[in-house]
Every structure is written in C-alpha cells, then in structure tokens.
Amino acid sequence: MLFNFDPPVTAEEIRAASLQYVRKISGFNKPSKANEEAFHSAIEEIAGVSGRLLRSLETTALPRSREEVAAKAKARAAERFQN
C-alpha cells in the first residue's frame, strides 16, 4: 500500500511496486532479451498510471507513519514465521 503516508510516496517506490506487479503477472523475475522491451515498457506505463492514481486520491484520514506500519508488518511476520 502506497497511499496516505508521511512522507509521501516517492517515484522510486512507485516504480518498485510496478516492477513487483509486472514480475507477478508475467511470471518473469528477469525477462529474456525477446521480452525485455515489453517488460520494461509495462513497468513504466504502470508506474505512470499508479502515480496519477495516488496523486488523485483524497482522504480525510491522517497520514500513516512509515515506521509504525513497518514495525507492525515486522511483528506480524515474526509471529507468522516463529513456528
């Protein structure tokens, strides 16, 4: 989730999420030379659309702290993987 954080999401974070998405739907961690252009083009297009979406969203909720969200995720992961 990238919306409503303080400090706001960066272009690098949006691109990283876009890369993760393209990897997930394509099944490629790294594309072959034949698919490289399509892979990178998709990342850039998705990053652009995602950035526009995030800039257009509105909320009355207070921005979330990155540190608090990260700490909660770390605690959930520790609990889930302790067995």
PDB file of N, CA and C in Angstrom:
ATOM      1  N   MET A   1       0.847  -1.167   0.000  1.00  0.00           N
ATOM      2  CA  MET A   1       0.000   0.000   0.000  1.00  0.00           C
ATOM      3  C   MET A   1       0.899   1.239   0.000  1.00  0.00           C
ATOM      4  N   LEU A   2       0.608   2.189  -0.868  1.00  0.00           N
ATOM      5  CA  LEU A   2       1.451   3.370  -1.003  1.00  0.00           C
ATOM      6  C   LEU A   2       0.720   4.685  -0.723  1.00  0.00           C
ATOM      7  N   PHE A   3      -0.570   4.615  -0.469  1.00  0.00           N
ATOM      8  CA  PHE A   3      -1.364   5.834  -0.312  1.00  0.00           C
ATOM      9  C   PHE A   3      -1.400   6.304   1.139  1.00  0.00           C
ATOM     10  N   ASN A   4      -1.361   7.610   1.308  1.00  0.00           N
ATOM     11  CA  ASN A   4      -1.569   8.298   2.577  1.00  0.00           C
ATOM     12  C   ASN A   4      -0.460   8.035   3.590  1.00  0.00           C
ATOM     13  N   PHE A   5       0.772   8.244   3.176  1.00  0.00           N
ATOM     14  CA  PHE A   5       1.913   8.130   4.071  1.00  0.00           C
ATOM     15  C   PHE A   5       2.569   9.478   4.269  1.00  0.00           C
ATOM     16  N   ASP A   6       3.226   9.618   5.392  1.00  0.00           N
ATOM     17  CA  ASP A   6       4.024  10.802   5.671  1.00  0.00           C
ATOM     18  C   ASP A   6       5.430  10.322   5.960  1.00  0.00           C
ATOM     19  N   PRO A   7       6.423  10.621   5.147  1.00  0.00           N
ATOM     20  CA  PRO A   7       6.377  11.429   3.941  1.00  0.00           C
ATOM     21  C   PRO A   7       5.702  10.677   2.787  1.00  0.00           C
ATOM     22  N   PRO A   8       5.225  11.435   1.793  1.00  0.00           N
ATOM     23  CA  PRO A   8       4.521  10.822   0.664  1.00  0.00           C
ATOM     24  C   PRO A   8       5.404   9.843  -0.108  1.00  0.00           C
ATOM     25  N   VAL A   9       4.758   8.996  -0.852  1.00  0.00           N
ATOM     26  CA  VAL A   9       5.442   8.002  -1.678  1.00  0.00           C
ATOM     27  C   VAL A   9       6.345   8.690  -2.697  1.00  0.00           C
ATOM     28  N   THR A  10       7.457   8.050  -3.008  1.00  0.00           N
ATOM     29  CA  THR A  10       8.383   8.602  -3.995  1.00  0.00           C
ATOM     30  C   THR A  10       8.191   7.899  -5.337  1.00  0.00           C
ATOM     31  N   ALA A  11       8.725   8.498  -6.374  1.00  0.00           N
ATOM     32  CA  ALA A  11       8.668   7.892  -7.710  1.00  0.00           C
ATOM     33  C   ALA A  11       9.392   6.547  -7.715  1.00  0.00           C
ATOM     34  N   GLU A  12      10.471   6.433  -6.952  1.00  0.00           N
ATOM     35  CA  GLU A  12      11.216   5.175  -6.880  1.00  0.00           C
ATOM     36  C   GLU A  12      10.374   4.073  -6.244  1.00  0.00           C
ATOM     37  N   GLU A  13       9.597   4.415  -5.228  1.00  0.00           N
ATOM     38  CA  GLU A  13       8.731   3.426  -4.580  1.00  0.00           C
ATOM     39  C   GLU A  13       7.606   2.984  -5.513  1.00  0.00           C
ATOM     40  N   ILE A  14       7.067   3.916  -6.262  1.00  0.00           N
ATOM     41  CA  ILE A  14       6.020   3.571  -7.224  1.00  0.00           C
ATOM     42  C   ILE A  14       6.594   2.659  -8.303  1.00  0.00           C
ATOM     43  N   ARG A  15       7.791   2.969  -8.778  1.00  0.00           N
ATOM     44  CA  ARG A  15       8.415   2.131  -9.806  1.00  0.00           C
ATOM     45  C   ARG A  15       8.728   0.740  -9.260  1.00  0.00           C
ATOM     46  N   ALA A  16       9.196   0.660  -8.014  1.00  0.00           N
ATOM     47  CA  ALA A  16       9.491  -0.645  -7.409  1.00  0.00           C
ATOM     48  C   ALA A  16       8.222  -1.493  -7.283  1.00  0.00           C
ATOM     49  N   ALA A  17       7.114  -0.861  -6.916  1.00  0.00           N
ATOM     50  CA  ALA A  17       5.842  -1.582  -6.826  1.00  0.00           C
ATOM     51  C   ALA A  17       5.381  -2.024  -8.213  1.00  0.00           C
ATOM     52  N   SER A  18       5.628  -1.196  -9.208  1.00  0.00           N
ATOM     53  CA  SER A  18       5.263  -1.541 -10.579  1.00  0.00           C
ATOM     54  C   SER A  18       6.089  -2.722 -11.080  1.00  0.00           C
ATOM     55  N   LEU A  19       7.366  -2.728 -10.769  1.00  0.00           N
ATOM     56  CA  LEU A  19       8.234  -3.848 -11.119  1.00  0.00           C
ATOM     57  C   LEU A  19       7.729  -5.139 -10.463  1.00  0.00           C
ATOM     58  N   GLN A  20       7.385  -5.043  -9.197  1.00  0.00           N
ATOM     59  CA  GLN A  20       6.863  -6.204  -8.467  1.00  0.00           C
ATOM     60  C   GLN A  20       5.590  -6.732  -9.127  1.00  0.00           C
ATOM     61  N   TYR A  21       4.720  -5.826  -9.522  1.00  0.00           N
ATOM     62  CA  TYR A  21       3.462  -6.204 -10.183  1.00  0.00           C
ATOM     63  C   TYR A  21       3.731  -6.898 -11.523  1.00  0.00           C
ATOM     64  N   VAL A  22       4.605  -6.320 -12.338  1.00  0.00           N
ATOM     65  CA  VAL A  22       4.906  -6.903 -13.650  1.00  0.00           C
ATOM     66  C   VAL A  22       5.556  -8.276 -13.483  1.00  0.00           C
ATOM     67  N   ARG A  23       6.443  -8.406 -12.521  1.00  0.00           N
ATOM     68  CA  ARG A  23       7.041  -9.716 -12.254  1.00  0.00           C
ATOM     69  C   ARG A  23       5.977 -10.735 -11.871  1.00  0.00           C
ATOM     70  N   LYS A  24       5.049 -10.310 -11.039  1.00  0.00           N
ATOM     71  CA  LYS A  24       3.990 -11.211 -10.571  1.00  0.00           C
ATOM     72  C   LYS A  24       3.110 -11.678 -11.725  1.00  0.00           C
ATOM     73  N   ILE A  25       2.632 -10.759 -12.540  1.00  0.00           N
ATOM     74  CA  ILE A  25       1.681 -11.166 -13.582  1.00  0.00           C
ATOM     75  C   ILE A  25       2.362 -11.826 -14.778  1.00  0.00           C
ATOM     76  N   SER A  26       3.646 -11.511 -15.002  1.00  0.00           N
ATOM     77  CA  SER A  26       4.323 -12.121 -16.150  1.00  0.00           C
ATOM     78  C   SER A  26       4.943 -13.467 -15.799  1.00  0.00           C
ATOM     79  N   GLY A  27       5.246 -13.653 -14.530  1.00  0.00           N
ATOM     80  CA  GLY A  27       5.926 -14.872 -14.125  1.00  0.00           C
ATOM     81  C   GLY A  27       7.429 -14.816 -14.352  1.00  0.00           C
ATOM     82  N   PHE A  28       7.934 -13.666 -14.792  1.00  0.00           N
ATOM     83  CA  PHE A  28       9.363 -13.489 -15.031  1.00  0.00           C
ATOM     84  C   PHE A  28       9.974 -12.652 -13.919  1.00  0.00           C
ATOM     85  N   ASN A  29      11.064 -13.139 -13.344  1.00  0.00           N
ATOM     86  CA  ASN A  29      11.823 -12.294 -12.436  1.00  0.00           C
ATOM     87  C   ASN A  29      12.702 -11.363 -13.263  1.00  0.00           C
ATOM     88  N   LYS A  30      13.273 -11.935 -14.318  1.00  0.00           N
ATOM     89  CA  LYS A  30      14.053 -11.164 -15.283  1.00  0.00           C
ATOM     90  C   LYS A  30      13.653 -11.683 -16.663  1.00  0.00           C
ATOM     91  N   PRO A  31      13.186 -10.809 -17.537  1.00  0.00           N
ATOM     92  CA  PRO A  31      12.715 -11.281 -18.846  1.00  0.00           C
ATOM     93  C   PRO A  31      13.868 -11.680 -19.770  1.00  0.00           C
ATOM     94  N   SER A  32      13.544 -12.482 -20.747  1.00  0.00           N
ATOM     95  CA  SER A  32      14.512 -12.820 -21.793  1.00  0.00           C
ATOM     96  C   SER A  32      14.743 -11.578 -22.648  1.00  0.00           C
ATOM     97  N   LYS A  33      15.764 -11.620 -23.468  1.00  0.00           N
ATOM     98  CA  LYS A  33      16.038 -10.494 -24.381  1.00  0.00           C
ATOM     99  C   LYS A  33      14.830 -10.217 -25.276  1.00  0.00           C
ATOM    100  N   ALA A  34      14.136 -11.271 -25.687  1.00  0.00           N
ATOM    101  CA  ALA A  34      12.976 -11.114 -26.571  1.00  0.00           C
ATOM    102  C   ALA A  34      11.836 -10.371 -25.884  1.00  0.00           C
ATOM    103  N   ASN A  35      11.729 -10.487 -24.562  1.00  0.00           N
ATOM    104  CA  ASN A  35      10.626  -9.867 -23.819  1.00  0.00           C
ATOM    105  C   ASN A  35      11.042  -8.632 -23.027  1.00  0.00           C
ATOM    106  N   GLU A  36      12.308  -8.298 -23.081  1.00  0.00           N
ATOM    107  CA  GLU A  36      12.836  -7.208 -22.254  1.00  0.00           C
ATOM    108  C   GLU A  36      12.149  -5.869 -22.519  1.00  0.00           C
ATOM    109  N   GLU A  37      11.969  -5.506 -23.771  1.00  0.00           N
ATOM    110  CA  GLU A  37      11.351  -4.224 -24.094  1.00  0.00           C
ATOM    111  C   GLU A  37       9.914  -4.153 -23.589  1.00  0.00           C
ATOM    112  N   ALA A  38       9.139  -5.197 -23.810  1.00  0.00           N
ATOM    113  CA  ALA A  38       7.746  -5.228 -23.347  1.00  0.00           C
ATOM    114  C   ALA A  38       7.681  -5.170 -21.819  1.00  0.00           C
ATOM    115  N   PHE A  39       8.582  -5.882 -21.161  1.00  0.00           N
ATOM    116  CA  PHE A  39       8.645  -5.927 -19.697  1.00  0.00           C
ATOM    117  C   PHE A  39       8.901  -4.534 -19.125  1.00  0.00           C
ATOM    118  N   HIS A  40       9.935  -3.864 -19.636  1.00  0.00           N
ATOM    119  CA  HIS A  40      10.290  -2.530 -19.136  1.00  0.00           C
ATOM    120  C   HIS A  40       9.250  -1.477 -19.522  1.00  0.00           C
ATOM    121  N   SER A  41       8.662  -1.617 -20.677  1.00  0.00           N
ATOM    122  CA  SER A  41       7.604  -0.704 -21.095  1.00  0.00           C
ATOM    123  C   SER A  41       6.402  -0.815 -20.158  1.00  0.00           C
ATOM    124  N   ALA A  42       6.055  -2.039 -19.804  1.00  0.00           N
ATOM    125  CA  ALA A  42       4.929  -2.254 -18.894  1.00  0.00           C
ATOM    126  C   ALA A  42       5.208  -1.636 -17.525  1.00  0.00           C
ATOM    127  N   ILE A  43       6.428  -1.771 -17.041  1.00  0.00           N
ATOM    128  CA  ILE A  43       6.794  -1.187 -15.744  1.00  0.00           C
ATOM    129  C   ILE A  43       6.599   0.324 -15.779  1.00  0.00           C
ATOM    130  N   GLU A  44       7.095   0.961 -16.832  1.00  0.00           N
ATOM    131  CA  GLU A  44       6.982   2.420 -16.931  1.00  0.00           C
ATOM    132  C   GLU A  44       5.526   2.873 -17.058  1.00  0.00           C
ATOM    133  N   GLU A  45       4.749   2.180 -17.854  1.00  0.00           N
ATOM    134  CA  GLU A  45       3.336   2.540 -18.017  1.00  0.00           C
ATOM    135  C   GLU A  45       2.578   2.376 -16.706  1.00  0.00           C
ATOM    136  N   ILE A  46       2.802   1.276 -16.021  1.00  0.00           N
ATOM    137  CA  ILE A  46       2.109   1.027 -14.749  1.00  0.00           C
ATOM    138  C   ILE A  46       2.544   2.033 -13.702  1.00  0.00           C
ATOM    139  N   ALA A  47       3.818   2.387 -13.677  1.00  0.00           N
ATOM    140  CA  ALA A  47       4.308   3.397 -12.733  1.00  0.00           C
ATOM    141  C   ALA A  47       3.634   4.739 -12.988  1.00  0.00           C
ATOM    142  N   GLY A  48       3.490   5.119 -14.252  1.00  0.00           N
ATOM    143  CA  GLY A  48       2.836   6.382 -14.590  1.00  0.00           C
ATOM    144  C   GLY A  48       1.379   6.411 -14.160  1.00  0.00           C
ATOM    145  N   VAL A  49       0.662   5.352 -14.470  1.00  0.00           N
ATOM    146  CA  VAL A  49      -0.754   5.269 -14.098  1.00  0.00           C
ATOM    147  C   VAL A  49      -0.893   5.243 -12.577  1.00  0.00           C
ATOM    148  N   SER A  50      -0.027   4.496 -11.921  1.00  0.00           N
ATOM    149  CA  SER A  50      -0.091   4.399 -10.453  1.00  0.00           C
ATOM    150  C   SER A  50       0.188   5.750  -9.801  1.00  0.00           C
ATOM    151  N   GLY A  51       1.165   6.465 -10.317  1.00  0.00           N
ATOM    152  CA  GLY A  51       1.467   7.794  -9.783  1.00  0.00           C
ATOM    153  C   GLY A  51       0.296   8.740  -9.931  1.00  0.00           C
ATOM    154  N   ARG A  52      -0.342   8.716 -11.101  1.00  0.00           N
ATOM    155  CA  ARG A  52      -1.522   9.573 -11.313  1.00  0.00           C
ATOM    156  C   ARG A  52      -2.646   9.185 -10.365  1.00  0.00           C
ATOM    157  N   LEU A  53      -2.847   7.893 -10.176  1.00  0.00           N
ATOM    158  CA  LEU A  53      -3.879   7.434  -9.248  1.00  0.00           C
ATOM    159  C   LEU A  53      -3.603   7.934  -7.840  1.00  0.00           C
ATOM    160  N   LEU A  54      -2.393   7.731  -7.361  1.00  0.00           N
ATOM    161  CA  LEU A  54      -2.060   8.143  -5.991  1.00  0.00           C
ATOM    162  C   LEU A  54      -2.188   9.649  -5.795  1.00  0.00           C
ATOM    163  N   ARG A  55      -1.819  10.427  -6.808  1.00  0.00           N
ATOM    164  CA  ARG A  55      -1.943  11.889  -6.702  1.00  0.00           C
ATOM    165  C   ARG A  55      -3.396  12.346  -6.719  1.00  0.00           C
ATOM    166  N   SER A  56      -4.278  11.562  -7.329  1.00  0.00           N
ATOM    167  CA  SER A  56      -5.679  11.980  -7.440  1.00  0.00           C
ATOM    168  C   SER A  56      -6.535  11.540  -6.259  1.00  0.00           C
ATOM    169  N   LEU A  57      -6.054  10.595  -5.459  1.00  0.00           N
ATOM    170  CA  LEU A  57      -6.843  10.104  -4.326  1.00  0.00           C
ATOM    171  C   LEU A  57      -6.913  11.148  -3.225  1.00  0.00           C
ATOM    172  N   GLU A  58      -8.039  11.149  -2.530  1.00  0.00           N
ATOM    173  CA  GLU A  58      -8.241  12.073  -1.413  1.00  0.00           C
ATOM    174  C   GLU A  58      -8.697  11.290  -0.195  1.00  0.00           C
ATOM    175  N   THR A  59      -8.350  11.811   0.979  1.00  0.00           N
ATOM    176  CA  THR A  59      -8.796  11.200   2.217  1.00  0.00           C
ATOM    177  C   THR A  59      -8.847  12.249   3.310  1.00  0.00           C
ATOM    178  N   THR A  60      -9.667  11.988   4.309  1.00  0.00           N
ATOM    179  CA  THR A  60      -9.707  12.859   5.484  1.00  0.00           C
ATOM    180  C   THR A  60      -8.907  12.243   6.626  1.00  0.00           C
ATOM    181  N   ALA A  61      -8.431  11.027   6.433  1.00  0.00           N
ATOM    182  CA  ALA A  61      -7.638  10.343   7.460  1.00  0.00           C
ATOM    183  C   ALA A  61      -6.256  10.987   7.573  1.00  0.00           C
ATOM    184  N   LEU A  62      -5.713  10.931   8.750  1.00  0.00           N
ATOM    185  CA  LEU A  62      -4.358  11.432   8.956  1.00  0.00           C
ATOM    186  C   LEU A  62      -3.365  10.512   8.251  1.00  0.00           C
ATOM    187  N   PRO A  63      -2.281  11.073   7.736  1.00  0.00           N
ATOM    188  CA  PRO A  63      -1.266  10.226   7.089  1.00  0.00           C
ATOM    189  C   PRO A  63      -0.680   9.220   8.075  1.00  0.00           C
ATOM    190  N   ARG A  64      -0.370   8.035   7.566  1.00  0.00           N
ATOM    191  CA  ARG A  64       0.219   6.989   8.397  1.00  0.00           C
ATOM    192  C   ARG A  64       1.726   7.167   8.455  1.00  0.00           C
ATOM    193  N   SER A  65       2.287   6.730   9.557  1.00  0.00           N
ATOM    194  CA  SER A  65       3.736   6.775   9.741  1.00  0.00           C
ATOM    195  C   SER A  65       4.352   5.534   9.124  1.00  0.00           C
ATOM    196  N   ARG A  66       5.347   5.728   8.293  1.00  0.00           N
ATOM    197  CA  ARG A  66       6.038   4.597   7.671  1.00  0.00           C
ATOM    198  C   ARG A  66       6.662   3.684   8.723  1.00  0.00           C
ATOM    199  N   GLU A  67       7.224   4.279   9.756  1.00  0.00           N
ATOM    200  CA  GLU A  67       7.880   3.499  10.793  1.00  0.00           C
ATOM    201  C   GLU A  67       6.881   2.614  11.545  1.00  0.00           C
ATOM    202  N   GLU A  68       5.718   3.157  11.871  1.00  0.00           N
ATOM    203  CA  GLU A  68       4.697   2.371  12.579  1.00  0.00           C
ATOM    204  C   GLU A  68       4.198   1.219  11.719  1.00  0.00           C
ATOM    205  N   VAL A  69       3.931   1.491  10.456  1.00  0.00           N
ATOM    206  CA  VAL A  69       3.440   0.445   9.549  1.00  0.00           C
ATOM    207  C   VAL A  69       4.503  -0.638   9.380  1.00  0.00           C
ATOM    208  N   ALA A  70       5.766  -0.244   9.245  1.00  0.00           N
ATOM    209  CA  ALA A  70       6.857  -1.217   9.100  1.00  0.00           C
ATOM    210  C   ALA A  70       7.010  -2.060  10.355  1.00  0.00           C
ATOM    211  N   ALA A  71       6.888  -1.439  11.525  1.00  0.00           N
ATOM    212  CA  ALA A  71       7.009  -2.180  12.783  1.00  0.00           C
ATOM    213  C   ALA A  71       5.883  -3.198  12.929  1.00  0.00           C
ATOM    214  N   LYS A  72       4.670  -2.814  12.563  1.00  0.00           N
ATOM    215  CA  LYS A  72       3.536  -3.743  12.637  1.00  0.00           C
ATOM    216  C   LYS A  72       3.725  -4.910  11.675  1.00  0.00           C
ATOM    217  N   ALA A  73       4.198  -4.631  10.469  1.00  0.00           N
ATOM    218  CA  ALA A  73       4.437  -5.691   9.490  1.00  0.00           C
ATOM    219  C   ALA A  73       5.527  -6.639   9.979  1.00  0.00           C
ATOM    220  N   LYS A  74       6.565  -6.103  10.584  1.00  0.00           N
ATOM    221  CA  LYS A  74       7.647  -6.927  11.109  1.00  0.00           C
ATOM    222  C   LYS A  74       7.144  -7.819  12.242  1.00  0.00           C
ATOM    223  N   ALA A  75       6.294  -7.268  13.109  1.00  0.00           N
ATOM    224  CA  ALA A  75       5.721  -8.055  14.207  1.00  0.00           C
ATOM    225  C   ALA A  75       4.827  -9.167  13.676  1.00  0.00           C
ATOM    226  N   ARG A  76       4.016  -8.868  12.650  1.00  0.00           N
ATOM    227  CA  ARG A  76       3.165  -9.902  12.054  1.00  0.00           C
ATOM    228  C   ARG A  76       3.997 -10.999  11.424  1.00  0.00           C
ATOM    229  N   ALA A  77       5.060 -10.629  10.727  1.00  0.00           N
ATOM    230  CA  ALA A  77       5.930 -11.608  10.092  1.00  0.00           C
ATOM    231  C   ALA A  77       6.620 -12.476  11.148  1.00  0.00           C
ATOM    232  N   ALA A  78       7.081 -11.872  12.222  1.00  0.00           N
ATOM    233  CA  ALA A  78       7.742 -12.637  13.281  1.00  0.00           C
ATOM    234  C   ALA A  78       6.786 -13.639  13.899  1.00  0.00           C
ATOM    235  N   GLU A  79       5.551 -13.214  14.108  1.00  0.00           N
ATOM    236  CA  GLU A  79       4.541 -14.120  14.681  1.00  0.00           C
ATOM    237  C   GLU A  79       4.202 -15.237  13.712  1.00  0.00           C
ATOM    238  N   ARG A  80       4.057 -14.929  12.447  1.00  0.00           N
ATOM    239  CA  ARG A  80       3.687 -15.904  11.434  1.00  0.00           C
ATOM    240  C   ARG A  80       4.778 -16.942  11.235  1.00  0.00           C
ATOM    241  N   PHE A  81       6.027 -16.539  11.282  1.00  0.00           N
ATOM    242  CA  PHE A  81       7.130 -17.440  10.958  1.00  0.00           C
ATOM    243  C   PHE A  81       7.880 -17.987  12.164  1.00  0.00           C
ATOM    244  N   GLN A  82       7.340 -17.788  13.359  1.00  0.00           N
ATOM    245  CA  GLN A  82       8.035 -18.281  14.553  1.00  0.00           C
ATOM    246  C   GLN A  82       7.970 -19.797  14.678  1.00  0.00           C
ATOM    247  N   ASN A  83       7.034 -20.426  14.017  1.00  0.00           N
ATOM    248  CA  ASN A  83       6.911 -21.889  14.114  1.00  0.00           C
ATOM    249  C   ASN A  83       7.830 -22.579  13.158  1.00  0.00           C
TER     250      ASN A  83
END
